[in-house]
Amino acid sequence: MTNTVLPRTRVTEQSAAEVNVSKGALTALGVALALVGLWAVACFIGGMVVSGGLLALAKAWISAITGV
């Protein structure tokens, strides 16, 4: 008696709609990340302007964190 083993094969197909949705979601996520990054840079620059420079900002931040 001989046993025959048939290999299992998986067939995966992606429709064009799924690919377009993935690209759209990736684009939307990229735009959102870029906006958050730009906002963070703007806040950092604003903090430096208000405090009087990078060293003053660092001193004020350390003072706020330590409470001294």
Protein backbone atom coordinates (compact mmCIF):
# COMPACT_ATOMS: atom_id res chain seq x y z
CA MET A 1 0.00 0.00 0.00
CA THR A 2 1.43 3.37 -0.95
CA ASN A 3 0.42 6.62 0.62
CA THR A 4 0.31 9.64 -1.59
CA VAL A 5 0.83 13.00 0.05
CA LEU A 6 -0.52 15.98 -1.81
CA PRO A 7 1.13 19.31 -1.02
CA ARG A 8 -1.13 22.10 0.16
CA THR A 9 -0.95 25.25 -1.85
CA ARG A 10 -2.43 28.57 -0.91
CA VAL A 11 -3.66 30.93 -3.49
CA THR A 12 -3.94 34.53 -2.40
CA GLU A 13 -5.34 37.21 -4.59
CA GLN A 14 -5.65 40.90 -3.95
CA SER A 15 -8.14 42.89 -5.82
CA ALA A 16 -7.33 46.33 -7.15
CA ALA A 17 -9.70 47.86 -4.60
CA GLU A 18 -7.76 46.35 -1.69
CA VAL A 19 -4.49 47.66 -3.05
CA ASN A 20 -5.95 51.14 -3.55
CA VAL A 21 -7.37 51.17 -0.03
CA SER A 22 -3.99 50.17 1.36
CA LYS A 23 -2.23 52.91 -0.60
CA GLY A 24 -4.85 55.45 0.50
CA ALA A 25 -4.52 54.46 4.14
CA LEU A 26 -0.74 54.62 3.92
CA THR A 27 -0.91 58.07 2.32
CA ALA A 28 -3.34 59.35 4.97
CA LEU A 29 -1.11 58.01 7.75
CA GLY A 30 1.95 59.63 6.19
CA VAL A 31 0.21 62.99 5.93
CA ALA A 32 -0.96 62.77 9.54
CA LEU A 33 2.55 61.92 10.74
CA ALA A 34 4.02 64.81 8.76
CA LEU A 35 1.51 67.24 10.29
CA VAL A 36 2.29 66.03 13.81
CA GLY A 37 6.02 66.38 13.14
CA LEU A 38 5.61 69.91 11.79
CA TRP A 39 3.50 70.83 14.82
CA ALA A 40 6.19 69.51 17.18
CA VAL A 41 8.88 71.53 15.41
CA ALA A 42 6.71 74.65 15.52
CA CYS A 43 6.13 74.19 19.27
CA PHE A 44 9.85 73.73 19.87
CA ILE A 45 10.71 76.87 17.90
CA GLY A 46 7.96 78.81 19.68
CA GLY A 47 9.31 77.71 23.04
CA MET A 48 12.80 78.82 22.10
CA VAL A 49 11.55 82.23 20.95
CA VAL A 50 9.54 82.83 24.12
CA SER A 51 12.26 81.65 26.50
CA GLY A 52 15.10 83.52 24.81
CA GLY A 53 17.10 80.75 23.15
CA LEU A 54 18.01 77.10 23.32
CA LEU A 55 19.93 77.25 26.61
CA ALA A 56 17.20 79.27 28.31
CA LEU A 57 14.61 76.77 27.06
CA ALA A 58 16.64 73.85 28.43
CA LYS A 59 17.09 75.61 31.78
CA ALA A 60 13.36 76.39 32.01
CA TRP A 61 12.44 72.81 31.07
CA ILE A 62 14.75 71.33 33.70
CA SER A 63 13.40 73.80 36.25
CA ALA A 64 9.82 72.81 35.41
CA ILE A 65 10.59 69.08 35.64
CA THR A 66 12.55 69.25 38.93
CA GLY A 67 10.45 71.99 40.54
CA VAL A 68 13.51 74.04 41.47
